[in-house]
C-alpha atoms as a PDB file:
ATOM      1  CA  UNK A   1      27.672  42.874  29.333  1.00  0.00           C
ATOM      2  CA  UNK A   2      26.329  40.568  26.634  1.00  0.00           C
ATOM      3  CA  UNK A   3      25.409  43.530  24.402  1.00  0.00           C
ATOM      4  CA  UNK A   4      28.875  45.032  24.855  1.00  0.00           C
ATOM      5  CA  UNK A   5      30.610  41.780  23.934  1.00  0.00           C
ATOM      6  CA  UNK A   6      28.317  41.402  20.951  1.00  0.00           C
ATOM      7  CA  UNK A   7      29.139  44.896  19.672  1.00  0.00           C
ATOM      8  CA  UNK A   8      32.869  44.448  20.240  1.00  0.00           C
ATOM      9  CA  UNK A   9      32.833  41.072  18.518  1.00  0.00           C
ATOM     10  CA  UNK A  10      30.980  42.524  15.536  1.00  0.00           C
ATOM     11  CA  UNK A  11      33.505  45.376  15.320  1.00  0.00           C
ATOM     12  CA  UNK A  12      36.413  42.906  15.354  1.00  0.00           C
ATOM     13  CA  UNK A  13      34.803  40.741  12.697  1.00  0.00           C
ATOM     14  CA  UNK A  14      34.301  43.763  10.441  1.00  0.00           C
ATOM     15  CA  UNK A  15      38.024  44.539  10.742  1.00  0.00           C
ATOM     16  CA  UNK A  16      38.920  40.900  10.014  1.00  0.00           C
ATOM     17  CA  UNK A  17      36.695  40.804   6.933  1.00  0.00           C
ATOM     18  CA  UNK A  18      38.086  44.140   5.747  1.00  0.00           C
ATOM     19  CA  UNK A  19      41.648  42.847   6.128  1.00  0.00           C
ATOM     20  CA  UNK A  20      40.781  39.621   4.327  1.00  0.00           C
ATOM     21  CA  UNK A  21      39.312  41.364   1.292  1.00  0.00           C
ATOM     22  CA  UNK A  22      41.991  44.050   1.159  1.00  0.00           C
ATOM     23  CA  UNK A  23      44.755  41.429   1.298  1.00  0.00           C
ATOM     24  CA  UNK A  24      42.931  39.335  -1.299  1.00  0.00           C
ATOM     25  CA  UNK A  25      42.803  42.384  -3.585  1.00  0.00           C
ATOM     26  CA  UNK A  26      46.487  43.268  -3.016  1.00  0.00           C
ATOM     27  CA  UNK A  27      47.893  39.747  -3.398  1.00  0.00           C
ATOM     28  CA  UNK A  28      47.524  39.539  -7.200  1.00  0.00           C
ATOM     29  CA  UNK A  29      49.218  42.951  -7.448  1.00  0.00           C
ATOM     30  CA  UNK A  30      52.137  41.695  -5.357  1.00  0.00           C
ATOM     31  CA  UNK A  31      52.235  38.417  -7.308  1.00  0.00           C
ATOM     32  CA  UNK A  32      52.447  40.247 -10.633  1.00  0.00           C
ATOM     33  CA  UNK A  33      55.437  42.336  -9.576  1.00  0.00           C
ATOM     34  CA  UNK A  34      57.054  39.481  -7.618  1.00  0.00           C
ATOM     35  CA  UNK A  35      57.136  37.225 -10.663  1.00  0.00           C
ATOM     36  CA  UNK A  36      57.957  40.030 -13.082  1.00  0.00           C
ATOM     37  CA  UNK A  37      60.967  41.228 -11.088  1.00  0.00           C
ATOM     38  CA  UNK A  38      61.908  37.767  -9.837  1.00  0.00           C
ATOM     39  CA  UNK A  39      61.740  38.068  -6.060  1.00  0.00           C
ATOM     40  CA  UNK A  40      63.337  34.619  -5.842  1.00  0.00           C
ATOM     41  CA  UNK A  41      64.611  33.618  -2.427  1.00  0.00           C
ATOM     42  CA  UNK A  42      68.219  32.470  -2.364  1.00  0.00           C
ATOM     43  CA  UNK A  43      68.442  29.293  -0.288  1.00  0.00           C
ATOM     44  CA  UNK A  44      70.922  29.206   2.561  1.00  0.00           C
ATOM     45  CA  UNK A  45      73.595  26.615   1.942  1.00  0.00           C
ATOM     46  CA  UNK A  46      74.999  26.417   5.462  1.00  0.00           C
ATOM     47  CA  UNK A  47      73.469  26.115   8.916  1.00  0.00           C
ATOM     48  CA  UNK A  48      74.511  28.337  11.833  1.00  0.00           C
ATOM     49  CA  UNK A  49      76.859  25.548  12.905  1.00  0.00           C
ATOM     50  CA  UNK A  50      78.626  25.684   9.528  1.00  0.00           C
ATOM     51  CA  UNK A  51      77.404  22.359   8.136  1.00  0.00           C
ATOM     52  CA  UNK A  52      76.036  22.064   4.623  1.00  0.00           C
ATOM     53  CA  UNK A  53      72.232  22.007   4.446  1.00  0.00           C
ATOM     54  CA  UNK A  54      72.205  18.947   2.199  1.00  0.00           C
ATOM     55  CA  UNK A  55      69.125  17.317   3.761  1.00  0.00           C
ATOM     56  CA  UNK A  56      66.963  20.440   3.436  1.00  0.00           C
ATOM     57  CA  UNK A  57      68.184  20.968  -0.130  1.00  0.00           C
ATOM     58  CA  UNK A  58      67.228  17.397  -0.989  1.00  0.00           C
ATOM     59  CA  UNK A  59      63.810  17.592   0.671  1.00  0.00           C
ATOM     60  CA  UNK A  60      62.948  20.884  -1.046  1.00  0.00           C
ATOM     61  CA  UNK A  61      64.677  20.248  -4.371  1.00  0.00           C
ATOM     62  CA  UNK A  62      61.434  20.700  -6.318  1.00  0.00           C
ATOM     63  CA  UNK A  63      60.708  24.035  -4.646  1.00  0.00           C
ATOM     64  CA  UNK A  64      64.219  25.312  -5.215  1.00  0.00           C
ATOM     65  CA  UNK A  65      64.116  24.256  -8.858  1.00  0.00           C
ATOM     66  CA  UNK A  66      60.821  25.936  -9.753  1.00  0.00           C
ATOM     67  CA  UNK A  67      61.582  29.313  -8.148  1.00  0.00           C
ATOM     68  CA  UNK A  68      58.802  31.142  -6.411  1.00  0.00           C
ATOM     69  CA  UNK A  69      58.957  34.560  -4.792  1.00  0.00           C
ATOM     70  CA  UNK A  70      59.391  35.693  -1.223  1.00  0.00           C
ATOM     71  CA  UNK A  71      58.432  38.933   0.593  1.00  0.00           C
ATOM     72  CA  UNK A  72      54.684  38.247   0.396  1.00  0.00           C
ATOM     73  CA  UNK A  73      54.576  39.602   3.943  1.00  0.00           C
ATOM     74  CA  UNK A  74      54.494  43.035   2.300  1.00  0.00           C
ATOM     75  CA  UNK A  75      50.810  42.413   1.583  1.00  0.00           C
ATOM     76  CA  UNK A  76      50.162  41.741   5.258  1.00  0.00           C
ATOM     77  CA  UNK A  77      52.110  44.767   6.445  1.00  0.00           C
ATOM     78  CA  UNK A  78      50.229  47.110   4.102  1.00  0.00           C
ATOM     79  CA  UNK A  79      46.898  45.510   4.981  1.00  0.00           C
ATOM     80  CA  UNK A  80      47.331  45.589   8.759  1.00  0.00           C
ATOM     81  CA  UNK A  81      48.728  49.116   8.654  1.00  0.00           C
ATOM     82  CA  UNK A  82      45.907  50.549   6.543  1.00  0.00           C
ATOM     83  CA  UNK A  83      43.052  48.846   8.377  1.00  0.00           C
ATOM     84  CA  UNK A  84      44.471  49.736  11.810  1.00  0.00           C
ATOM     85  CA  UNK A  85      45.494  53.292  10.908  1.00  0.00           C
ATOM     86  CA  UNK A  86      42.173  54.150   9.305  1.00  0.00           C
ATOM     87  CA  UNK A  87      39.750  52.219  11.517  1.00  0.00           C
ATOM     88  CA  UNK A  88      41.395  51.084  14.747  1.00  0.00           C
ATOM     89  CA  UNK A  89      44.298  53.285  15.886  1.00  0.00           C
ATOM     90  CA  UNK A  90      44.364  53.898  19.636  1.00  0.00           C
ATOM     91  CA  UNK A  91      47.230  55.081  21.859  1.00  0.00           C
ATOM     92  CA  UNK A  92      46.434  52.731  24.746  1.00  0.00           C
ATOM     93  CA  UNK A  93      45.618  49.577  22.801  1.00  0.00           C
ATOM     94  CA  UNK A  94      46.795  49.435  19.192  1.00  0.00           C
ATOM     95  CA  UNK A  95      49.586  51.956  18.698  1.00  0.00           C
ATOM     96  CA  UNK A  96      52.204  49.733  20.314  1.00  0.00           C
ATOM     97  CA  UNK A  97      51.395  46.417  18.593  1.00  0.00           C
ATOM     98  CA  UNK A  98      51.170  48.236  15.244  1.00  0.00           C
ATOM     99  CA  UNK A  99      54.560  49.864  15.865  1.00  0.00           C
ATOM    100  CA  UNK A 100      56.055  46.468  16.717  1.00  0.00           C
ATOM    101  CA  UNK A 101      54.432  44.883  13.676  1.00  0.00           C
ATOM    102  CA  UNK A 102      55.912  47.554  11.402  1.00  0.00           C
ATOM    103  CA  UNK A 103      59.276  47.512  13.178  1.00  0.00           C
ATOM    104  CA  UNK A 104      59.593  43.755  12.841  1.00  0.00           C
ATOM    105  CA  UNK A 105      58.587  43.949   9.190  1.00  0.00           C
ATOM    106  CA  UNK A 106      61.290  46.553   8.539  1.00  0.00           C
ATOM    107  CA  UNK A 107      64.008  44.239   9.898  1.00  0.00           C
ATOM    108  CA  UNK A 108      62.645  41.367   7.821  1.00  0.00           C
ATOM    109  CA  UNK A 109      62.239  43.540   4.717  1.00  0.00           C
ATOM    110  CA  UNK A 110      65.895  44.597   4.800  1.00  0.00           C
ATOM    111  CA  UNK A 111      66.897  40.951   5.176  1.00  0.00           C
ATOM    112  CA  UNK A 112      64.661  39.917   2.277  1.00  0.00           C
ATOM    113  CA  UNK A 113      65.943  42.702   0.017  1.00  0.00           C
ATOM    114  CA  UNK A 114      69.547  41.629   0.575  1.00  0.00           C
ATOM    115  CA  UNK A 115      68.570  38.015  -0.020  1.00  0.00           C
ATOM    116  CA  UNK A 116      66.691  38.698  -3.247  1.00  0.00           C
ATOM    117  CA  UNK A 117      68.774  41.435  -4.855  1.00  0.00           C
ATOM    118  CA  UNK A 118      72.133  41.080  -3.134  1.00  0.00           C
ATOM    119  CA  UNK A 119      75.129  39.328  -4.571  1.00  0.00           C
ATOM    120  CA  UNK A 120      78.284  37.807  -3.173  1.00  0.00           C
ATOM    121  CA  UNK A 121      78.909  36.243   0.217  1.00  0.00           C
ATOM    122  CA  UNK A 122      76.222  38.218   2.080  1.00  0.00           C
ATOM    123  CA  UNK A 123      73.462  37.456  -0.401  1.00  0.00           C
ATOM    124  CA  UNK A 124      71.685  35.067   1.954  1.00  0.00           C
ATOM    125  CA  UNK A 125      70.496  38.103   3.921  1.00  0.00           C
ATOM    126  CA  UNK A 126      71.459  39.947   7.066  1.00  0.00           C
ATOM    127  CA  UNK A 127      73.847  38.133   9.361  1.00  0.00           C
ATOM    128  CA  UNK A 128      72.090  36.633  12.386  1.00  0.00           C
ATOM    129  CA  UNK A 129      73.825  38.913  14.950  1.00  0.00           C
ATOM    130  CA  UNK A 130      72.758  41.993  12.982  1.00  0.00           C
ATOM    131  CA  UNK A 131      69.123  40.878  12.803  1.00  0.00           C
ATOM    132  CA  UNK A 132      69.220  40.016  16.503  1.00  0.00           C
ATOM    133  CA  UNK A 133      70.605  43.451  17.392  1.00  0.00           C
ATOM    134  CA  UNK A 134      68.022  45.262  15.272  1.00  0.00           C
ATOM    135  CA  UNK A 135      64.992  43.420  16.637  1.00  0.00           C
ATOM    136  CA  UNK A 136      66.373  43.740  20.185  1.00  0.00           C
ATOM    137  CA  UNK A 137      66.683  47.506  19.775  1.00  0.00           C
ATOM    138  CA  UNK A 138      63.069  47.696  18.635  1.00  0.00           C
ATOM    139  CA  UNK A 139      61.951  45.525  21.555  1.00  0.00           C
ATOM    140  CA  UNK A 140      63.815  47.638  24.117  1.00  0.00           C
ATOM    141  CA  UNK A 141      62.514  50.922  22.688  1.00  0.00           C
ATOM    142  CA  UNK A 142      58.889  49.755  22.657  1.00  0.00           C
ATOM    143  CA  UNK A 143      59.348  48.063  26.032  1.00  0.00           C
ATOM    144  CA  UNK A 144      60.469  51.364  27.539  1.00  0.00           C
ATOM    145  CA  UNK A 145      57.369  53.048  26.089  1.00  0.00           C
ATOM    146  CA  UNK A 146      55.195  50.250  27.493  1.00  0.00           C
ATOM    147  CA  UNK A 147      56.648  50.601  30.982  1.00  0.00           C
ATOM    148  CA  UNK A 148      57.116  54.380  31.206  1.00  0.00           C
ATOM    149  CA  UNK A 149      54.446  55.916  28.984  1.00  0.00           C
ATOM    150  CA  UNK A 150      51.703  53.339  29.515  1.00  0.00           C
ATOM    151  CA  UNK A 151      52.677  52.633  33.131  1.00  0.00           C
ATOM    152  CA  UNK A 152      52.934  48.821  33.020  1.00  0.00           C
ATOM    153  CA  UNK A 153      55.320  47.574  35.719  1.00  0.00           C
ATOM    154  CA  UNK A 154      53.572  44.359  36.837  1.00  0.00           C
ATOM    155  CA  UNK A 155      52.985  41.016  35.146  1.00  0.00           C
ATOM    156  CA  UNK A 156      50.074  38.720  35.942  1.00  0.00           C
ATOM    157  CA  UNK A 157      51.167  35.212  36.890  1.00  0.00           C
ATOM    158  CA  UNK A 158      48.211  32.838  36.332  1.00  0.00           C
ATOM    159  CA  UNK A 159      46.741  31.482  39.582  1.00  0.00           C
ATOM    160  CA  UNK A 160      49.296  33.498  41.593  1.00  0.00           C
ATOM    161  CA  UNK A 161      48.703  37.201  41.034  1.00  0.00           C
ATOM    162  CA  UNK A 162      50.649  40.316  40.113  1.00  0.00           C
ATOM    163  CA  UNK A 163      54.440  40.212  39.954  1.00  0.00           C
ATOM    164  CA  UNK A 164      56.061  43.626  40.369  1.00  0.00           C
ATOM    165  CA  UNK A 165      59.042  43.850  38.010  1.00  0.00           C
ATOM    166  CA  UNK A 166      59.612  47.609  37.759  1.00  0.00           C
ATOM    167  CA  UNK A 167      60.437  49.697  34.717  1.00  0.00           C
ATOM    168  CA  UNK A 168      63.762  48.029  33.909  1.00  0.00           C
ATOM    169  CA  UNK A 169      62.423  44.529  34.440  1.00  0.00           C
ATOM    170  CA  UNK A 170      59.356  45.196  32.317  1.00  0.00           C
ATOM    171  CA  UNK A 171      61.439  46.696  29.517  1.00  0.00           C
ATOM    172  CA  UNK A 172      63.686  43.632  29.437  1.00  0.00           C
ATOM    173  CA  UNK A 173      60.778  41.162  29.565  1.00  0.00           C
ATOM    174  CA  UNK A 174      58.965  43.074  26.829  1.00  0.00           C
ATOM    175  CA  UNK A 175      62.059  43.011  24.614  1.00  0.00           C
ATOM    176  CA  UNK A 176      62.514  39.303  25.286  1.00  0.00           C
ATOM    177  CA  UNK A 177      58.919  38.618  24.199  1.00  0.00           C
ATOM    178  CA  UNK A 178      59.468  40.541  20.955  1.00  0.00           C
ATOM    179  CA  UNK A 179      62.844  38.975  20.128  1.00  0.00           C
ATOM    180  CA  UNK A 180      61.939  35.412  21.077  1.00  0.00           C
ATOM    181  CA  UNK A 181      58.599  35.385  19.280  1.00  0.00           C
ATOM    182  CA  UNK A 182      59.976  37.085  16.158  1.00  0.00           C
ATOM    183  CA  UNK A 183      62.728  34.523  15.787  1.00  0.00           C
ATOM    184  CA  UNK A 184      60.428  31.599  16.640  1.00  0.00           C
ATOM    185  CA  UNK A 185      57.902  32.554  13.943  1.00  0.00           C
ATOM    186  CA  UNK A 186      60.737  33.086  11.478  1.00  0.00           C
ATOM    187  CA  UNK A 187      62.165  29.624  12.214  1.00  0.00           C
ATOM    188  CA  UNK A 188      58.698  28.080  11.765  1.00  0.00           C
ATOM    189  CA  UNK A 189      58.279  29.574   8.306  1.00  0.00           C
ATOM    190  CA  UNK A 190      59.645  26.567   6.434  1.00  0.00           C
ATOM    191  CA  UNK A 191      56.651  24.684   5.048  1.00  0.00           C
ATOM    192  CA  UNK A 192      53.692  25.864   2.954  1.00  0.00           C
ATOM    193  CA  UNK A 193      51.185  27.521   5.292  1.00  0.00           C
ATOM    194  CA  UNK A 194      52.851  26.369   8.531  1.00  0.00           C
ATOM    195  CA  UNK A 195      53.801  29.684  10.149  1.00  0.00           C
ATOM    196  CA  UNK A 196      50.689  31.404   8.793  1.00  0.00           C
ATOM    197  CA  UNK A 197      48.308  28.844  10.285  1.00  0.00           C
ATOM    198  CA  UNK A 198      50.083  28.720  13.649  1.00  0.00           C
ATOM    199  CA  UNK A 199      50.129  32.512  13.872  1.00  0.00           C
ATOM    200  CA  UNK A 200      46.452  32.747  12.926  1.00  0.00           C
ATOM    201  CA  UNK A 201      45.502  30.444  15.820  1.00  0.00           C
ATOM    202  CA  UNK A 202      47.727  32.339  18.283  1.00  0.00           C
ATOM    203  CA  UNK A 203      46.334  35.728  17.293  1.00  0.00           C
ATOM    204  CA  UNK A 204      42.832  34.295  17.440  1.00  0.00           C
ATOM    205  CA  UNK A 205      43.398  33.105  21.010  1.00  0.00           C
ATOM    206  CA  UNK A 206      44.705  36.489  22.097  1.00  0.00           C
ATOM    207  CA  UNK A 207      41.754  38.153  20.360  1.00  0.00           C
ATOM    208  CA  UNK A 208      39.424  36.183  22.643  1.00  0.00           C
ATOM    209  CA  UNK A 209      41.469  37.092  25.734  1.00  0.00           C
ATOM    210  CA  UNK A 210      41.522  40.790  24.808  1.00  0.00           C
ATOM    211  CA  UNK A 211      37.777  40.671  24.133  1.00  0.00           C
ATOM    212  CA  UNK A 212      37.068  39.198  27.564  1.00  0.00           C
ATOM    213  CA  UNK A 213      39.257  41.914  29.107  1.00  0.00           C
ATOM    214  CA  UNK A 214      37.267  44.620  27.376  1.00  0.00           C
ATOM    215  CA  UNK A 215      40.164  45.677  25.138  1.00  0.00           C
ATOM    216  CA  UNK A 216      38.019  45.713  22.048  1.00  0.00           C
ATOM    217  CA  UNK A 217      40.443  47.712  19.877  1.00  0.00           C
ATOM    218  CA  UNK A 218      43.248  45.270  20.693  1.00  0.00           C
ATOM    219  CA  UNK A 219      40.806  42.492  19.814  1.00  0.00           C
ATOM    220  CA  UNK A 220      40.278  44.272  16.507  1.00  0.00           C
ATOM    221  CA  UNK A 221      44.015  44.418  15.867  1.00  0.00           C
ATOM    222  CA  UNK A 222      44.389  40.684  16.465  1.00  0.00           C
ATOM    223  CA  UNK A 223      41.466  39.908  14.178  1.00  0.00           C
ATOM    224  CA  UNK A 224      42.882  42.224  11.519  1.00  0.00           C
ATOM    225  CA  UNK A 225      46.020  40.072  11.468  1.00  0.00           C
ATOM    226  CA  UNK A 226      43.827  36.951  11.396  1.00  0.00           C
ATOM    227  CA  UNK A 227      41.975  38.370   8.380  1.00  0.00           C
ATOM    228  CA  UNK A 228      45.222  38.880   6.481  1.00  0.00           C
ATOM    229  CA  UNK A 229      46.490  35.403   7.421  1.00  0.00           C
ATOM    230  CA  UNK A 230      43.277  33.812   6.174  1.00  0.00           C
ATOM    231  CA  UNK A 231      43.881  35.462   2.817  1.00  0.00           C
ATOM    232  CA  UNK A 232      47.546  34.423   2.877  1.00  0.00           C
ATOM    233  CA  UNK A 233      46.666  30.779   3.515  1.00  0.00           C
ATOM    234  CA  UNK A 234      43.987  30.898   0.797  1.00  0.00           C
ATOM    235  CA  UNK A 235      46.647  31.765  -1.774  1.00  0.00           C
ATOM    236  CA  UNK A 236      49.390  29.705  -0.187  1.00  0.00           C
ATOM    237  CA  UNK A 237      47.937  26.208   0.069  1.00  0.00           C
ATOM    238  CA  UNK A 238      50.351  23.625  -1.399  1.00  0.00           C
ATOM    239  CA  UNK A 239      51.922  24.096  -3.797  1.00  0.00           C
ATOM    240  CA  UNK A 240      52.681  27.578  -2.480  1.00  0.00           C
ATOM    241  CA  UNK A 241      52.695  30.496  -4.906  1.00  0.00           C
ATOM    242  CA  UNK A 242      55.004  32.557  -2.697  1.00  0.00           C
ATOM    243  CA  UNK A 243      56.613  32.815   0.745  1.00  0.00           C
ATOM    244  CA  UNK A 244      55.871  35.467   3.340  1.00  0.00           C
ATOM    245  CA  UNK A 245      59.609  35.865   3.942  1.00  0.00           C
ATOM    246  CA  UNK A 246      61.207  37.563   6.908  1.00  0.00           C
ATOM    247  CA  UNK A 247      59.095  40.638   6.129  1.00  0.00           C
ATOM    248  CA  UNK A 248      56.005  38.748   7.246  1.00  0.00           C
ATOM    249  CA  UNK A 249      57.418  36.390   9.879  1.00  0.00           C
ATOM    250  CA  UNK A 250      59.240  39.091  11.857  1.00  0.00           C
ATOM    251  CA  UNK A 251      56.174  41.355  11.696  1.00  0.00           C
ATOM    252  CA  UNK A 252      53.901  38.575  12.937  1.00  0.00           C
ATOM    253  CA  UNK A 253      56.285  37.555  15.711  1.00  0.00           C
ATOM    254  CA  UNK A 254      56.945  41.061  17.003  1.00  0.00           C
ATOM    255  CA  UNK A 255      53.237  41.889  16.967  1.00  0.00           C
ATOM    256  CA  UNK A 256      52.318  38.657  18.739  1.00  0.00           C
ATOM    257  CA  UNK A 257      54.870  39.211  21.495  1.00  0.00           C
ATOM    258  CA  UNK A 258      53.520  42.713  22.096  1.00  0.00           C
ATOM    259  CA  UNK A 259      49.897  41.534  22.103  1.00  0.00           C
ATOM    260  CA  UNK A 260      50.858  39.000  24.792  1.00  0.00           C
ATOM    261  CA  UNK A 261      52.268  41.857  26.890  1.00  0.00           C
ATOM    262  CA  UNK A 262      49.295  44.137  26.236  1.00  0.00           C
ATOM    263  CA  UNK A 263      46.887  41.474  27.496  1.00  0.00           C
ATOM    264  CA  UNK A 264      49.121  40.850  30.536  1.00  0.00           C
ATOM    265  CA  UNK A 265      49.344  37.237  29.370  1.00  0.00           C
ATOM    266  CA  UNK A 266      53.090  36.891  28.831  1.00  0.00           C
ATOM    267  CA  UNK A 267      53.191  33.566  30.668  1.00  0.00           C
ATOM    268  CA  UNK A 268      50.542  32.163  28.330  1.00  0.00           C
ATOM    269  CA  UNK A 269      52.672  32.863  25.256  1.00  0.00           C
ATOM    270  CA  UNK A 270      54.615  29.557  25.488  1.00  0.00           C
ATOM    271  CA  UNK A 271      51.288  27.708  25.769  1.00  0.00           C
ATOM    272  CA  UNK A 272      49.296  29.502  23.084  1.00  0.00           C
ATOM    273  CA  UNK A 273      52.387  29.500  20.868  1.00  0.00           C
ATOM    274  CA  UNK A 274      53.544  26.012  21.864  1.00  0.00           C
ATOM    275  CA  UNK A 275      54.572  25.018  18.329  1.00  0.00           C
ATOM    276  CA  UNK A 276      56.689  28.146  17.963  1.00  0.00           C
ATOM    277  CA  UNK A 277      58.464  27.145  21.180  1.00  0.00           C
ATOM    278  CA  UNK A 278      59.011  23.609  19.904  1.00  0.00           C
ATOM    279  CA  UNK A 279      60.251  24.812  16.518  1.00  0.00           C
ATOM    280  CA  UNK A 280      62.723  27.323  17.955  1.00  0.00           C
ATOM    281  CA  UNK A 281      63.661  24.986  20.803  1.00  0.00           C
ATOM    282  CA  UNK A 282      64.501  22.150  18.433  1.00  0.00           C
ATOM    283  CA  UNK A 283      66.890  24.409  16.517  1.00  0.00           C
ATOM    284  CA  UNK A 284      68.598  25.623  19.688  1.00  0.00           C
ATOM    285  CA  UNK A 285      68.804  22.075  21.030  1.00  0.00           C
ATOM    286  CA  UNK A 286      70.338  20.873  17.764  1.00  0.00           C
ATOM    287  CA  UNK A 287      73.047  23.543  17.975  1.00  0.00           C
ATOM    288  CA  UNK A 288      73.792  22.847  21.649  1.00  0.00           C
ATOM    289  CA  UNK A 289      73.824  19.066  21.118  1.00  0.00           C
ATOM    290  CA  UNK A 290      76.338  19.352  18.293  1.00  0.00           C
ATOM    291  CA  UNK A 291      78.613  21.611  20.309  1.00  0.00           C
ATOM    292  CA  UNK A 292      78.588  19.272  23.321  1.00  0.00           C
ATOM    293  CA  UNK A 293      78.382  15.807  21.749  1.00  0.00           C
ATOM    294  CA  UNK A 294      79.709  16.589  18.236  1.00  0.00           C
ATOM    295  CA  UNK A 295      76.764  14.919  16.542  1.00  0.00           C
ATOM    296  CA  UNK A 296      73.206  15.799  15.578  1.00  0.00           C
ATOM    297  CA  UNK A 297      70.211  15.099  17.791  1.00  0.00           C
ATOM    298  CA  UNK A 298      67.724  15.531  14.920  1.00  0.00           C
ATOM    299  CA  UNK A 299      68.164  14.483  11.305  1.00  0.00           C
ATOM    300  CA  UNK A 300      67.570  18.133  10.472  1.00  0.00           C
ATOM    301  CA  UNK A 301      66.316  21.123  12.449  1.00  0.00           C
ATOM    302  CA  UNK A 302      63.897  22.717  13.115  1.00  0.00           C
ATOM    303  CA  UNK A 303      61.691  19.772  13.904  1.00  0.00           C
ATOM    304  CA  UNK A 304      59.440  20.087  10.840  1.00  0.00           C
ATOM    305  CA  UNK A 305      62.486  19.255   8.689  1.00  0.00           C
ATOM    306  CA  UNK A 306      63.252  16.282  10.966  1.00  0.00           C
ATOM    307  CA  UNK A 307      59.736  14.950  10.406  1.00  0.00           C
ATOM    308  CA  UNK A 308      60.080  15.519   6.658  1.00  0.00           C
ATOM    309  CA  UNK A 309      63.306  13.519   6.658  1.00  0.00           C
ATOM    310  CA  UNK A 310      61.492  10.721   8.508  1.00  0.00           C
ATOM    311  CA  UNK A 311      59.011  10.487   5.641  1.00  0.00           C
ATOM    312  CA  UNK A 312      56.124  12.668   6.814  1.00  0.00           C
ATOM    313  CA  UNK A 313      54.491  14.563   3.974  1.00  0.00           C
ATOM    314  CA  UNK A 314      54.476  18.354   4.095  1.00  0.00           C
ATOM    315  CA  UNK A 315      50.690  18.637   4.306  1.00  0.00           C
ATOM    316  CA  UNK A 316      50.591  16.026   7.078  1.00  0.00           C
ATOM    317  CA  UNK A 317      53.085  17.973   9.195  1.00  0.00           C
ATOM    318  CA  UNK A 318      51.353  21.310   8.633  1.00  0.00           C
ATOM    319  CA  UNK A 319      47.840  20.103   9.409  1.00  0.00           C
ATOM    320  CA  UNK A 320      48.877  18.135  12.496  1.00  0.00           C
ATOM    321  CA  UNK A 321      50.798  21.130  13.788  1.00  0.00           C
ATOM    322  CA  UNK A 322      47.687  23.252  13.217  1.00  0.00           C
ATOM    323  CA  UNK A 323      45.611  20.783  15.238  1.00  0.00           C
ATOM    324  CA  UNK A 324      48.078  20.832  18.121  1.00  0.00           C
ATOM    325  CA  UNK A 325      48.236  24.624  18.016  1.00  0.00           C
ATOM    326  CA  UNK A 326      44.437  24.837  18.078  1.00  0.00           C
ATOM    327  CA  UNK A 327      44.225  22.595  21.148  1.00  0.00           C
ATOM    328  CA  UNK A 328      46.818  24.642  23.031  1.00  0.00           C
ATOM    329  CA  UNK A 329      45.151  27.897  21.999  1.00  0.00           C
ATOM    330  CA  UNK A 330      41.975  26.656  23.701  1.00  0.00           C
ATOM    331  CA  UNK A 331      43.996  25.600  26.762  1.00  0.00           C
ATOM    332  CA  UNK A 332      45.569  29.056  26.880  1.00  0.00           C
ATOM    333  CA  UNK A 333      42.171  30.764  26.799  1.00  0.00           C
ATOM    334  CA  UNK A 334      40.928  28.451  29.548  1.00  0.00           C
ATOM    335  CA  UNK A 335      43.908  29.265  31.772  1.00  0.00           C
ATOM    336  CA  UNK A 336      43.353  32.978  31.126  1.00  0.00           C
ATOM    337  CA  UNK A 337      39.737  32.761  32.270  1.00  0.00           C
ATOM    338  CA  UNK A 338      40.497  30.636  35.331  1.00  0.00           C
ATOM    339  CA  UNK A 339      43.880  32.063  36.307  1.00  0.00           C
ATOM    340  CA  UNK A 340      42.886  35.684  36.854  1.00  0.00           C
ATOM    341  CA  UNK A 341      44.048  37.191  33.566  1.00  0.00           C
ATOM    342  CA  UNK A 342      40.495  38.005  32.412  1.00  0.00           C
END
């Protein structure tokens, strides 16, 4: 058993290192073209509730003024695709998360293209209902494959046991995991290195869980994403040189939701990804609060903007969120080992 784990761990680390160096090689290529062709992100001027985003504009005035490109997630998509396709493609373990990763990136890429090169009223990107419909369609299609082709119709409830949900139930739950996680990662992508660091810790936790389950190719996929994110953070420490954009955040979120399903650890996703839950939850709560009470609960949402408005520095927020995410990643692994998931 020890020798097997050692070999699987070594294999995963090789994939992570390969992804890191490939992404590090590709990033300057992307940066050259991004600055040459001005992949500048157009800032949204209105929230979903219709109010002017004056607080966010004020907090990020320096960023908006200096212009730096978006769509850096392209580097991650190319890196994860090449490393997985060449070294780690497997029908039972990595085909589905790779398909979700690419599907999510496609939705985000279309949104980013409209944002960067579009003009007129729709230049901020795809409308929210359109993005929601597209990522939902991907989630349902892959969820059907997961339930019918791979035969998954039960979910493990930690400390309780298997919960039989059937083909329809599994398809819906799978789609929910993809949609919710994609949007949560996208909402979290608002400060330099925030979403990248949180995602790296979440994928790292699921890599450990997959390793303990003996899914060594799924472990390799998770560590491939970790390798890219390490490179991304290396180049993206404050002040950031670029943003991953929806291309990267939707890819990361969709892939993470699918990895949670593949490890039968769906119920650990809100724990391992606790900060994604808080970020998305704060935005939803802000919208609901305004509709009911006609005033804001937070100074600005999601919560990282609220903390900025309270005077917290960007680096302080990011690093403290990383610490919290790391603690909950460890808690998630512990529950997996003690609750019957591994």
